[in-house]
N, C-alpha and C. Protein backbone atom coordinates (compact mmCIF):
# COMPACT_ATOMS: atom_id res chain seq x y z
N MET A 1 -1.75 -13.02 -45.09
CA MET A 1 -1.87 -11.60 -44.79
C MET A 1 -1.61 -11.36 -46.61
N THR A 2 -2.14 -10.81 -47.10
CA THR A 2 -1.82 -10.28 -48.52
C THR A 2 -1.03 -8.67 -48.09
N HIS A 3 -0.13 -8.30 -49.22
CA HIS A 3 0.43 -6.96 -49.41
C HIS A 3 -0.30 -6.04 -48.65
N SER A 4 -1.96 -6.32 -49.54
CA SER A 4 -3.06 -4.98 -49.54
C SER A 4 -3.43 -5.12 -48.15
N ASP A 5 -3.53 -5.83 -47.50
CA ASP A 5 -4.35 -6.23 -46.13
C ASP A 5 -3.07 -5.81 -45.06
N ALA A 6 -1.65 -6.04 -45.17
CA ALA A 6 -1.06 -5.16 -44.49
C ALA A 6 -0.69 -3.65 -44.27
N ALA A 7 -1.02 -3.01 -45.41
CA ALA A 7 -0.70 -1.94 -45.48
C ALA A 7 -2.02 -0.98 -44.82
N PRO A 8 -3.27 -1.07 -44.56
CA PRO A 8 -3.94 -0.81 -43.87
C PRO A 8 -3.96 -0.82 -41.78
N ARG A 9 -3.20 -2.22 -41.95
CA ARG A 9 -3.13 -2.53 -40.80
C ARG A 9 -2.32 -1.55 -39.87
N ARG A 10 -1.07 -1.31 -40.72
CA ARG A 10 0.16 -0.61 -40.46
C ARG A 10 -0.44 0.80 -40.25
N ARG A 11 -0.94 1.64 -40.66
CA ARG A 11 -1.71 2.69 -40.48
C ARG A 11 -2.75 2.94 -39.33
N THR A 12 -3.40 1.73 -39.35
CA THR A 12 -4.09 1.47 -37.99
C THR A 12 -3.39 1.28 -36.82
N ILE A 13 -2.50 0.73 -36.90
CA ILE A 13 -1.10 0.66 -35.70
C ILE A 13 -0.70 2.09 -34.96
N GLY A 14 -0.38 2.72 -36.62
CA GLY A 14 0.53 3.81 -36.52
C GLY A 14 -0.33 5.00 -35.88
N ARG A 15 -1.84 4.83 -36.13
CA ARG A 15 -3.24 5.89 -35.37
C ARG A 15 -2.88 5.93 -33.67
N LEU A 16 -2.81 4.56 -33.80
CA LEU A 16 -3.01 3.74 -32.35
C LEU A 16 -1.77 4.42 -31.45
N MET A 17 -1.03 4.30 -31.73
CA MET A 17 0.51 4.95 -31.28
C MET A 17 0.56 6.16 -31.02
N ARG A 18 0.22 7.13 -32.25
CA ARG A 18 -0.24 8.55 -32.24
C ARG A 18 -1.19 8.67 -31.10
N LEU A 19 -2.47 8.28 -31.05
CA LEU A 19 -3.02 8.49 -30.23
C LEU A 19 -2.68 8.29 -28.46
N ALA A 20 -1.81 6.97 -28.33
CA ALA A 20 -1.19 6.85 -27.04
C ALA A 20 -0.30 7.67 -26.69
N ALA A 21 0.29 8.20 -27.45
CA ALA A 21 1.78 9.18 -27.01
C ALA A 21 0.92 10.58 -26.74
N ALA A 22 -0.24 10.82 -27.40
CA ALA A 22 -1.17 12.41 -26.96
C ALA A 22 -1.40 12.05 -25.77
N VAL A 23 -2.13 11.12 -25.16
CA VAL A 23 -2.83 10.36 -23.95
C VAL A 23 -1.45 10.53 -22.89
N LEU A 24 -0.77 10.25 -23.30
CA LEU A 24 0.23 10.14 -22.53
C LEU A 24 0.70 11.27 -22.30
N ALA A 25 1.08 12.35 -23.09
CA ALA A 25 1.58 14.05 -22.90
C ALA A 25 0.41 14.42 -22.02
N ALA A 26 -0.24 14.26 -22.57
CA ALA A 26 -1.73 14.97 -21.78
C ALA A 26 -1.86 14.89 -19.99
N ALA A 27 -1.44 13.58 -20.15
CA ALA A 27 -1.35 12.89 -18.54
C ALA A 27 -0.11 14.20 -17.53
N VAL A 28 0.99 14.04 -18.71
CA VAL A 28 2.13 14.63 -17.96
C VAL A 28 1.73 15.66 -17.84
N VAL A 29 1.31 16.87 -18.06
CA VAL A 29 0.90 17.78 -18.29
C VAL A 29 0.18 18.25 -17.31
N LEU A 30 -1.24 17.53 -17.01
CA LEU A 30 -2.08 17.25 -16.02
C LEU A 30 -1.31 17.10 -14.45
N SER A 31 -0.56 16.09 -14.59
CA SER A 31 0.50 15.47 -13.56
C SER A 31 1.12 16.94 -13.15
N GLY A 32 1.72 17.39 -13.89
CA GLY A 32 2.55 18.73 -13.45
C GLY A 32 1.76 19.93 -12.92
N CYS A 33 0.40 20.23 -13.50
CA CYS A 33 -0.22 20.90 -12.75
C CYS A 33 -0.70 20.45 -11.21
N ALA A 34 -0.80 19.38 -11.39
CA ALA A 34 -1.29 19.05 -9.75
C ALA A 34 -0.55 19.15 -9.17
N ALA A 35 1.16 18.72 -9.40
CA ALA A 35 2.29 19.00 -8.47
C ALA A 35 2.39 20.62 -8.15
N GLN A 36 1.72 21.32 -8.82
CA GLN A 36 1.97 22.79 -8.73
C GLN A 36 0.75 23.53 -7.79
N ASP A 37 -0.33 22.71 -8.07
CA ASP A 37 -1.76 23.70 -7.40
C ASP A 37 -2.65 22.42 -6.94
N PRO A 38 -2.63 21.54 -6.35
CA PRO A 38 -3.46 20.77 -5.59
C PRO A 38 -4.97 20.83 -5.21
N LEU A 39 -5.45 22.41 -5.02
CA LEU A 39 -6.52 22.51 -4.78
C LEU A 39 -7.09 22.92 -6.04
N ALA A 40 -6.28 23.77 -7.22
CA ALA A 40 -7.09 23.94 -8.25
C ALA A 40 -7.21 22.35 -9.12
N GLN A 41 -6.29 21.55 -8.84
CA GLN A 41 -6.07 19.98 -9.48
C GLN A 41 -7.74 19.18 -8.62
N GLN A 42 -7.96 19.27 -7.83
CA GLN A 42 -8.93 18.52 -7.06
C GLN A 42 -9.97 19.00 -7.66
N ALA A 43 -10.32 20.70 -7.57
CA ALA A 43 -11.46 21.27 -8.28
C ALA A 43 -11.92 20.73 -9.40
N ALA A 44 -11.06 20.56 -10.37
CA ALA A 44 -10.70 20.31 -11.98
C ALA A 44 -11.32 18.96 -12.20
N GLU A 45 -10.92 17.85 -10.96
CA GLU A 45 -11.58 16.53 -10.91
C GLU A 45 -13.24 16.45 -11.46
N GLY A 46 -13.88 17.34 -10.84
CA GLY A 46 -14.89 17.03 -10.61
C GLY A 46 -15.67 15.71 -9.94
N ASN A 47 -15.04 15.14 -8.91
CA ASN A 47 -15.29 14.19 -8.19
C ASN A 47 -16.51 13.48 -7.22
N ASN A 48 -17.52 14.94 -6.79
CA ASN A 48 -18.17 14.64 -6.29
C ASN A 48 -18.10 14.79 -4.86
N LYS A 49 -16.86 15.34 -4.50
CA LYS A 49 -16.28 15.38 -2.91
C LYS A 49 -17.52 16.31 -2.31
N ASN A 50 -17.37 17.58 -2.71
CA ASN A 50 -18.25 18.74 -2.45
C ASN A 50 -17.16 19.26 -1.59
N TYR A 51 -15.91 18.95 -1.94
CA TYR A 51 -15.17 20.19 -0.99
C TYR A 51 -13.92 19.72 -1.60
N ILE A 52 -12.89 21.12 -1.33
CA ILE A 52 -11.56 21.20 -1.95
C ILE A 52 -10.48 20.89 -0.94
N ALA A 53 -9.79 19.66 -0.83
CA ALA A 53 -8.83 19.67 0.23
C ALA A 53 -7.33 20.08 -0.05
N GLY A 54 -7.23 20.55 0.81
CA GLY A 54 -5.81 21.05 0.73
C GLY A 54 -4.44 19.84 0.99
N ASP A 55 -3.54 20.18 0.94
CA ASP A 55 -2.28 19.38 0.92
C ASP A 55 -1.95 19.23 1.96
N GLY A 56 -2.29 19.86 3.33
CA GLY A 56 -1.65 19.92 4.55
C GLY A 56 -0.59 20.51 4.62
N SER A 57 -0.62 21.71 4.03
CA SER A 57 0.62 22.87 4.12
C SER A 57 0.24 23.43 4.99
N VAL A 58 1.48 24.00 5.50
CA VAL A 58 1.54 24.72 6.73
C VAL A 58 2.49 26.47 6.33
N THR A 59 1.52 27.37 6.68
CA THR A 59 1.81 28.66 6.95
C THR A 59 2.09 29.11 8.31
N GLU A 60 3.57 29.93 8.42
CA GLU A 60 3.50 30.34 9.71
C GLU A 60 3.68 31.69 9.51
N TYR A 61 3.60 32.81 10.24
CA TYR A 61 3.54 34.29 10.22
C TYR A 61 4.46 34.51 11.52
N ALA A 62 5.26 35.40 11.08
CA ALA A 62 6.01 35.95 12.25
C ALA A 62 5.45 36.84 12.63
N PRO A 63 5.64 37.28 14.23
CA PRO A 63 4.97 37.79 15.16
C PRO A 63 5.15 39.71 14.67
N ALA A 64 5.95 39.63 13.70
CA ALA A 64 6.02 41.20 13.14
C ALA A 64 5.41 41.31 12.04
N GLU A 65 5.24 40.13 11.41
CA GLU A 65 3.92 40.18 9.95
C GLU A 65 2.56 39.99 10.01
N ARG A 66 2.58 39.54 11.29
CA ARG A 66 0.94 39.54 11.43
C ARG A 66 0.17 40.90 11.54
N GLY A 67 -1.35 40.79 10.99
CA GLY A 67 -1.98 41.61 11.00
C GLY A 67 -2.46 41.97 12.15
N GLU A 68 -3.67 42.59 11.94
CA GLU A 68 -4.61 43.06 13.18
C GLU A 68 -5.50 42.01 13.98
N PRO A 69 -6.04 41.96 15.02
CA PRO A 69 -6.93 40.72 15.44
C PRO A 69 -8.00 40.59 14.73
N VAL A 70 -8.16 39.27 14.78
CA VAL A 70 -9.22 38.81 13.87
C VAL A 70 -10.59 39.10 14.39
N ASP A 71 -11.16 39.58 13.47
CA ASP A 71 -13.05 40.30 14.48
C ASP A 71 -14.01 39.24 13.78
N ILE A 72 -14.59 38.23 14.55
CA ILE A 72 -15.08 37.06 14.23
C ILE A 72 -16.26 37.29 15.60
N GLU A 73 -17.71 37.07 15.13
CA GLU A 73 -18.78 37.08 15.89
C GLU A 73 -19.63 36.14 15.77
N GLY A 74 -20.33 35.12 16.06
CA GLY A 74 -20.76 34.25 15.78
C GLY A 74 -22.01 33.46 16.57
N GLU A 75 -22.70 32.49 16.26
CA GLU A 75 -23.52 31.73 17.37
C GLU A 75 -22.68 30.19 17.31
N LEU A 76 -22.75 29.91 18.72
CA LEU A 76 -22.89 28.30 18.74
C LEU A 76 -23.87 27.48 18.45
N TYR A 77 -23.59 26.51 18.16
CA TYR A 77 -24.97 25.42 18.14
C TYR A 77 -25.89 25.64 19.39
N SER A 78 -25.09 25.73 20.46
CA SER A 78 -25.57 25.74 21.87
C SER A 78 -26.78 27.31 21.69
N GLY A 79 -26.85 28.25 21.02
CA GLY A 79 -27.53 29.22 20.83
C GLY A 79 -26.29 30.14 21.71
N GLN A 80 -25.49 30.32 22.25
CA GLN A 80 -24.34 31.21 22.80
C GLN A 80 -23.95 32.01 21.81
N SER A 81 -23.88 33.39 22.14
CA SER A 81 -22.95 34.19 21.15
C SER A 81 -21.81 34.31 21.72
N VAL A 82 -20.36 34.37 20.63
CA VAL A 82 -18.88 34.81 21.23
C VAL A 82 -18.51 35.44 19.71
N ASN A 83 -17.64 36.41 20.49
CA ASN A 83 -17.08 37.41 20.22
C ASN A 83 -15.51 37.22 20.39
N SER A 84 -14.93 37.23 19.18
CA SER A 84 -13.71 37.18 19.10
C SER A 84 -12.61 38.09 20.33
N THR A 85 -12.93 39.57 20.67
CA THR A 85 -12.40 40.32 21.04
C THR A 85 -12.46 39.72 22.87
N ASP A 86 -13.07 38.70 23.04
CA ASP A 86 -13.03 38.10 24.51
C ASP A 86 -11.96 36.88 24.24
N TRP A 87 -11.10 36.91 23.30
CA TRP A 87 -10.23 36.00 23.15
C TRP A 87 -8.73 36.60 23.38
N GLN A 88 -8.80 37.79 24.05
CA GLN A 88 -7.65 38.25 23.96
C GLN A 88 -6.87 37.62 25.25
N GLY A 89 -5.72 37.30 25.23
CA GLY A 89 -4.86 36.63 26.24
C GLY A 89 -4.77 35.27 26.18
N GLN A 90 -5.32 34.57 25.21
CA GLN A 90 -5.54 33.16 25.26
C GLN A 90 -5.10 32.58 23.52
N VAL A 91 -4.64 31.50 23.32
CA VAL A 91 -4.02 31.26 22.28
C VAL A 91 -5.53 30.49 22.03
N THR A 92 -5.65 30.67 20.40
CA THR A 92 -7.06 30.01 20.01
C THR A 92 -6.97 29.28 19.17
N VAL A 93 -7.57 28.39 18.64
CA VAL A 93 -7.38 27.27 17.58
C VAL A 93 -9.25 26.98 17.16
N LEU A 94 -9.06 27.50 15.68
CA LEU A 94 -10.35 27.12 14.70
C LEU A 94 -10.47 26.62 14.05
N ASN A 95 -10.87 25.72 13.76
CA ASN A 95 -11.01 24.34 12.81
C ASN A 95 -12.22 24.59 11.97
N PHE A 96 -12.37 24.39 10.56
CA PHE A 96 -13.13 24.18 9.75
C PHE A 96 -13.77 23.65 9.36
N TRP A 97 -14.50 22.84 9.12
CA TRP A 97 -15.10 21.45 8.88
C TRP A 97 -16.91 21.61 8.50
N TYR A 98 -17.12 20.33 8.25
CA TYR A 98 -18.56 19.57 8.42
C TYR A 98 -18.46 18.38 8.10
N ALA A 99 -19.56 17.72 8.29
CA ALA A 99 -19.91 16.16 8.69
C ALA A 99 -19.22 15.37 7.73
N ALA A 100 -19.71 15.61 6.65
CA ALA A 100 -19.54 14.73 5.46
C ALA A 100 -18.05 14.97 4.57
N CYS A 101 -17.23 15.80 5.47
CA CYS A 101 -16.02 16.11 4.81
C CYS A 101 -14.82 14.82 5.75
N ALA A 102 -14.41 13.84 4.27
CA ALA A 102 -13.99 12.90 4.77
C ALA A 102 -12.59 13.26 5.70
N PRO A 103 -11.56 14.02 5.16
CA PRO A 103 -10.77 14.35 5.96
C PRO A 103 -10.93 15.13 7.69
N CYS A 104 -12.07 15.91 7.22
CA CYS A 104 -12.59 16.34 8.94
C CYS A 104 -12.69 15.29 10.07
N ARG A 105 -13.51 14.13 9.62
CA ARG A 105 -13.73 12.95 10.20
C ARG A 105 -12.21 12.09 10.50
N GLU A 106 -11.17 12.13 9.56
CA GLU A 106 -9.99 11.31 9.93
C GLU A 106 -9.34 12.37 10.78
N GLU A 107 -9.72 13.69 11.18
CA GLU A 107 -8.33 14.44 11.85
C GLU A 107 -9.17 14.62 13.35
N ALA A 108 -10.24 14.33 13.49
CA ALA A 108 -11.41 14.52 14.43
C ALA A 108 -10.53 13.85 15.55
N PRO A 109 -9.97 12.99 15.85
CA PRO A 109 -9.72 12.38 17.02
C PRO A 109 -8.30 12.90 17.29
N ASP A 110 -7.54 13.50 16.60
CA ASP A 110 -6.45 14.39 17.02
C ASP A 110 -6.64 15.49 17.66
N LEU A 111 -7.95 16.26 17.23
CA LEU A 111 -8.23 17.77 17.53
C LEU A 111 -8.67 17.02 18.78
N VAL A 112 -9.43 16.32 19.30
CA VAL A 112 -10.02 15.94 20.70
C VAL A 112 -8.78 15.68 21.35
N ALA A 113 -7.88 15.31 20.89
CA ALA A 113 -6.15 14.72 21.96
C ALA A 113 -6.24 16.16 21.97
N LEU A 114 -5.50 16.82 21.35
CA LEU A 114 -4.77 17.75 21.38
C LEU A 114 -5.68 18.98 22.37
N HIS A 115 -6.93 18.87 22.05
CA HIS A 115 -7.87 19.83 23.08
C HIS A 115 -7.33 19.45 24.41
N GLU A 116 -7.55 18.02 24.75
CA GLU A 116 -7.23 17.37 26.06
C GLU A 116 -5.81 17.79 26.52
N GLU A 117 -5.04 18.06 25.86
CA GLU A 117 -3.52 18.27 25.67
C GLU A 117 -3.43 19.86 26.53
N PHE A 118 -3.74 20.55 25.67
CA PHE A 118 -3.73 21.72 25.79
C PHE A 118 -4.70 23.08 26.69
N GLU A 119 -5.69 22.51 26.91
CA GLU A 119 -6.69 23.08 27.13
C GLU A 119 -6.72 23.37 28.79
N PRO A 120 -5.86 22.49 29.44
CA PRO A 120 -5.13 22.87 31.00
C PRO A 120 -4.07 24.15 31.11
N GLN A 121 -3.58 24.17 29.64
CA GLN A 121 -2.70 25.56 29.74
C GLN A 121 -3.35 26.52 29.02
N GLY A 122 -4.60 26.84 29.30
CA GLY A 122 -5.32 27.57 28.57
C GLY A 122 -5.80 28.47 27.07
N VAL A 123 -5.44 26.88 26.42
CA VAL A 123 -5.85 27.12 25.08
C VAL A 123 -7.37 26.37 24.68
N GLN A 124 -7.93 27.59 23.71
CA GLN A 124 -9.41 27.07 23.86
C GLN A 124 -9.56 26.74 22.25
N PHE A 125 -10.41 25.82 22.02
CA PHE A 125 -10.69 25.36 20.76
C PHE A 125 -12.21 25.74 20.25
N TYR A 126 -12.36 25.88 19.04
CA TYR A 126 -13.63 26.14 18.40
C TYR A 126 -13.57 25.79 16.91
N GLY A 127 -14.82 24.74 16.86
CA GLY A 127 -15.19 24.65 15.05
C GLY A 127 -15.74 25.42 14.26
N VAL A 128 -15.63 25.70 13.10
CA VAL A 128 -16.46 26.34 12.47
C VAL A 128 -17.24 25.62 11.61
N ASN A 129 -18.26 25.28 11.47
CA ASN A 129 -19.08 24.61 10.75
C ASN A 129 -19.71 25.17 9.91
N ILE A 130 -19.20 25.05 8.71
CA ILE A 130 -19.51 26.31 7.51
C ILE A 130 -21.22 25.10 6.56
N ARG A 131 -21.41 24.05 6.99
CA ARG A 131 -23.17 23.87 6.00
C ARG A 131 -23.88 23.35 6.90
N ASP A 132 -23.65 22.63 7.99
CA ASP A 132 -24.30 21.39 8.49
C ASP A 132 -25.50 21.71 9.35
N SER A 133 -26.90 21.37 9.69
CA SER A 133 -27.72 21.88 10.45
C SER A 133 -27.22 21.04 12.09
N LYS A 134 -28.00 21.77 12.51
CA LYS A 134 -27.68 21.66 14.24
C LYS A 134 -27.48 20.03 14.64
N GLN A 135 -28.80 19.27 14.00
CA GLN A 135 -29.00 18.04 13.91
C GLN A 135 -27.29 17.19 13.61
N ASN A 136 -26.87 17.35 12.40
CA ASN A 136 -26.06 16.60 11.62
C ASN A 136 -24.71 17.10 12.58
N ALA A 137 -24.74 18.32 12.88
CA ALA A 137 -23.34 18.85 13.46
C ALA A 137 -23.28 17.98 14.56
N GLU A 138 -24.52 18.04 16.03
CA GLU A 138 -24.28 17.25 17.16
C GLU A 138 -24.15 15.83 16.96
N ALA A 139 -24.35 15.40 15.75
CA ALA A 139 -24.36 13.65 15.41
C ALA A 139 -22.66 13.57 15.35
N PHE A 140 -22.15 14.59 14.51
CA PHE A 140 -20.85 14.08 14.32
C PHE A 140 -20.37 14.35 15.66
N GLU A 141 -20.41 15.56 16.49
CA GLU A 141 -19.94 15.96 17.68
C GLU A 141 -19.69 14.22 18.55
N ARG A 142 -20.88 13.74 18.59
CA ARG A 142 -21.29 12.66 19.51
C ARG A 142 -20.24 11.24 18.90
N THR A 143 -20.22 11.45 18.03
CA THR A 143 -19.81 9.97 16.85
C THR A 143 -18.20 10.17 17.08
N PHE A 144 -17.57 11.52 17.12
CA PHE A 144 -16.21 11.51 17.58
C PHE A 144 -15.92 12.10 18.89
N GLY A 145 -16.88 12.54 19.69
CA GLY A 145 -16.56 12.77 21.28
C GLY A 145 -16.14 14.01 21.00
N ILE A 146 -16.65 14.99 20.46
CA ILE A 146 -15.90 16.44 20.15
C ILE A 146 -16.35 17.19 21.23
N PRO A 147 -15.09 17.64 22.36
CA PRO A 147 -15.55 18.34 23.64
C PRO A 147 -15.57 19.67 23.54
N TYR A 148 -15.54 20.45 22.49
CA TYR A 148 -15.19 21.77 22.40
C TYR A 148 -16.52 22.38 21.49
N PRO A 149 -16.83 23.60 21.42
CA PRO A 149 -18.07 24.31 20.81
C PRO A 149 -17.69 24.21 19.15
N SER A 150 -18.88 24.57 18.76
CA SER A 150 -18.77 24.83 17.34
C SER A 150 -19.65 26.35 16.91
N PHE A 151 -19.11 26.91 15.86
CA PHE A 151 -19.79 28.29 15.52
C PHE A 151 -20.93 27.25 14.45
N ASN A 152 -22.13 28.00 14.33
CA ASN A 152 -23.46 27.09 13.68
C ASN A 152 -23.05 28.66 12.39
N ASP A 153 -22.09 28.22 11.49
CA ASP A 153 -21.73 29.03 10.10
C ASP A 153 -22.55 29.01 8.46
N SER A 154 -23.44 28.45 9.00
CA SER A 154 -24.18 28.19 7.52
C SER A 154 -24.59 29.40 6.96
N ASP A 155 -24.27 30.37 7.62
CA ASP A 155 -24.49 31.61 6.31
C ASP A 155 -23.32 32.22 6.46
N GLY A 156 -22.28 31.72 6.96
CA GLY A 156 -20.90 32.05 5.95
C GLY A 156 -20.38 33.47 6.96
N GLY A 157 -20.91 33.93 7.80
CA GLY A 157 -20.36 35.03 8.41
C GLY A 157 -19.09 35.07 8.97
N VAL A 158 -18.74 33.54 9.99
CA VAL A 158 -17.33 33.78 10.43
C VAL A 158 -16.41 33.52 9.28
N LEU A 159 -16.61 32.46 8.13
CA LEU A 159 -15.92 32.17 6.65
C LEU A 159 -15.57 33.06 6.20
N LEU A 160 -16.62 34.41 6.20
CA LEU A 160 -16.22 35.50 5.35
C LEU A 160 -15.19 36.35 6.17
N SER A 161 -15.32 36.60 7.36
CA SER A 161 -14.53 37.51 8.26
C SER A 161 -13.15 36.77 7.98
N MET A 162 -12.78 35.52 7.40
CA MET A 162 -11.38 35.00 7.36
C MET A 162 -10.76 34.59 6.27
N THR A 163 -11.69 35.17 4.96
CA THR A 163 -11.30 35.03 3.55
C THR A 163 -9.87 35.22 3.51
N SER A 164 -9.37 36.01 4.07
CA SER A 164 -7.88 36.16 3.87
C SER A 164 -6.97 35.01 4.05
N TYR A 165 -7.48 34.45 5.00
CA TYR A 165 -6.83 33.31 5.54
C TYR A 165 -7.13 31.83 5.30
N VAL A 166 -8.26 31.73 5.22
CA VAL A 166 -9.27 30.32 4.73
C VAL A 166 -10.25 30.36 3.15
N PRO A 167 -9.48 29.42 2.25
CA PRO A 167 -10.02 29.94 1.05
C PRO A 167 -11.51 29.29 0.87
N PRO A 168 -12.46 29.88 0.37
CA PRO A 168 -13.80 29.40 0.27
C PRO A 168 -13.73 27.91 -0.16
N GLN A 169 -14.54 27.21 0.61
CA GLN A 169 -14.72 25.83 0.38
C GLN A 169 -13.57 24.97 0.70
N ALA A 170 -12.42 25.42 1.30
CA ALA A 170 -10.86 24.68 1.86
C ALA A 170 -11.31 23.89 2.79
N VAL A 171 -11.68 22.95 3.00
CA VAL A 171 -12.16 22.26 4.44
C VAL A 171 -11.31 21.17 4.47
N PRO A 172 -10.98 20.37 5.21
CA PRO A 172 -10.62 21.36 6.62
C PRO A 172 -9.79 22.31 6.46
N THR A 173 -9.96 23.46 7.49
CA THR A 173 -8.61 24.40 7.70
C THR A 173 -8.51 24.85 8.90
N THR A 174 -7.45 24.94 9.18
CA THR A 174 -7.10 24.93 10.96
C THR A 174 -6.08 26.25 11.00
N ILE A 175 -6.59 27.29 12.16
CA ILE A 175 -5.72 28.30 12.25
C ILE A 175 -5.37 28.64 13.36
N VAL A 176 -4.45 28.58 14.19
CA VAL A 176 -3.86 29.25 15.17
C VAL A 176 -3.94 30.82 15.52
N LEU A 177 -4.53 31.26 16.65
CA LEU A 177 -4.64 32.56 16.74
C LEU A 177 -3.74 32.37 17.86
N ASP A 178 -2.56 33.78 17.78
CA ASP A 178 -1.68 33.83 19.08
C ASP A 178 -2.37 34.90 20.43
N GLN A 179 -2.10 34.48 21.35
CA GLN A 179 -2.75 35.76 22.33
C GLN A 179 -3.03 36.90 22.18
N GLN A 180 -2.98 37.78 20.93
CA GLN A 180 -3.54 38.94 20.80
C GLN A 180 -4.42 38.93 19.78
N GLY A 181 -4.90 37.49 19.29
CA GLY A 181 -5.92 37.06 18.23
C GLY A 181 -5.71 37.56 17.13
N ARG A 182 -4.28 37.37 16.79
CA ARG A 182 -4.10 37.34 15.74
C ARG A 182 -3.78 36.22 14.77
N VAL A 183 -3.55 35.82 13.73
CA VAL A 183 -3.33 34.69 12.75
C VAL A 183 -1.96 34.16 12.81
N ALA A 184 -1.65 33.22 13.68
CA ALA A 184 -0.15 32.93 13.88
C ALA A 184 0.35 31.58 12.69
N ALA A 185 -0.74 30.89 12.24
CA ALA A 185 -0.06 30.00 11.85
C ALA A 185 -1.60 29.08 11.26
N ARG A 186 -1.62 28.72 10.20
CA ARG A 186 -2.46 27.83 9.22
C ARG A 186 -2.09 26.53 8.36
N ILE A 187 -3.25 25.60 8.82
CA ILE A 187 -3.00 24.65 8.17
C ILE A 187 -4.00 24.30 7.09
N LEU A 188 -3.37 24.11 5.86
CA LEU A 188 -4.45 23.93 4.71
C LEU A 188 -4.85 22.49 4.40
N GLY A 189 -5.56 21.93 5.03
CA GLY A 189 -6.14 20.54 4.72
C GLY A 189 -6.06 19.70 5.87
N LEU A 190 -5.93 18.42 5.78
CA LEU A 190 -5.64 17.68 7.32
C LEU A 190 -4.71 18.19 8.36
N ALA A 191 -4.97 18.18 9.32
CA ALA A 191 -3.98 18.70 9.92
C ALA A 191 -3.28 17.63 10.81
N ASP A 192 -1.87 17.40 10.26
CA ASP A 192 -1.13 16.59 11.15
C ASP A 192 -0.99 16.71 12.83
N LYS A 193 -1.08 16.30 13.55
CA LYS A 193 -1.42 16.04 14.99
C LYS A 193 -0.05 16.58 15.56
N GLY A 194 1.12 16.25 15.43
CA GLY A 194 2.06 16.57 15.64
C GLY A 194 2.63 18.00 15.25
N THR A 195 2.37 18.59 13.72
CA THR A 195 2.24 19.78 13.56
C THR A 195 1.81 20.60 14.22
N LEU A 196 0.29 20.36 14.00
CA LEU A 196 -0.42 21.32 15.25
C LEU A 196 0.04 21.27 16.49
N SER A 197 0.67 20.52 17.32
CA SER A 197 0.92 20.67 18.50
C SER A 197 2.23 21.46 18.57
N ALA A 198 3.18 20.97 17.44
CA ALA A 198 3.60 22.59 17.70
C ALA A 198 3.67 23.63 17.12
N LEU A 199 2.70 24.05 16.37
CA LEU A 199 2.09 25.37 16.16
C LEU A 199 1.51 25.99 17.41
N ILE A 200 1.26 25.34 18.02
CA ILE A 200 0.45 25.46 19.41
C ILE A 200 1.09 25.87 20.54
N GLU A 201 2.29 25.05 20.64
CA GLU A 201 3.13 25.59 21.38
C GLU A 201 4.14 26.67 21.21
N THR A 202 4.50 26.93 20.07
CA THR A 202 5.25 28.09 19.75
C THR A 202 4.44 29.42 20.22
N ALA A 203 2.88 29.34 20.09
CA ALA A 203 2.00 30.71 20.16
C ALA A 203 2.02 30.72 21.47
N LEU A 204 2.37 29.52 22.20
CA LEU A 204 2.09 29.68 24.17
C LEU A 204 3.22 30.05 24.44
N ALA A 205 4.65 30.13 23.99
CA ALA A 205 5.89 30.59 24.17
C ALA A 205 5.73 31.40 23.94
N GLU A 206 4.97 32.18 23.21
CA GLU A 206 5.46 33.82 22.64
C GLU A 206 4.99 34.71 23.91
């Protein structure tokens, strides 16, 4: 290799090293953002999941800090109308889901098991399906043996009434209501079975 050939090669290598450093720096910045805001990070990915998954974070609300009872009215896939005023005196679990949501499918068996465990203690479960047709929702329920009913919320009425607690399109989200119908706890994202069980037990003990 001649001296004249070496100089351009050194310049090319230098440019590649600077480019690699810039890419690494950008990756570090993006990684920091992801740690701070997983919802925003996934939304920015544009990975065609069609949902924004939470990180499983849990928010509990002390009794003195809870707001008014939730005001929910909607129709189940069975056609039955349901109003949250009828839930007074019972702990209620609301799970926001839809059939193509991968975390929803993953947590479904745990929700079924928890329903079976707590139903004898008077805890009621409702799904809130935010987009599926009756046919798709019922196919999901048959596949996973879901024993409790779901709201047909394709018009967004139930979701709209819960926007203070359920970020739009953040699916799944699970809400535990106390015996007065107030939000006692929220799991944003895939619900851990042990965690949700503890939240229900806490609400029952109040």
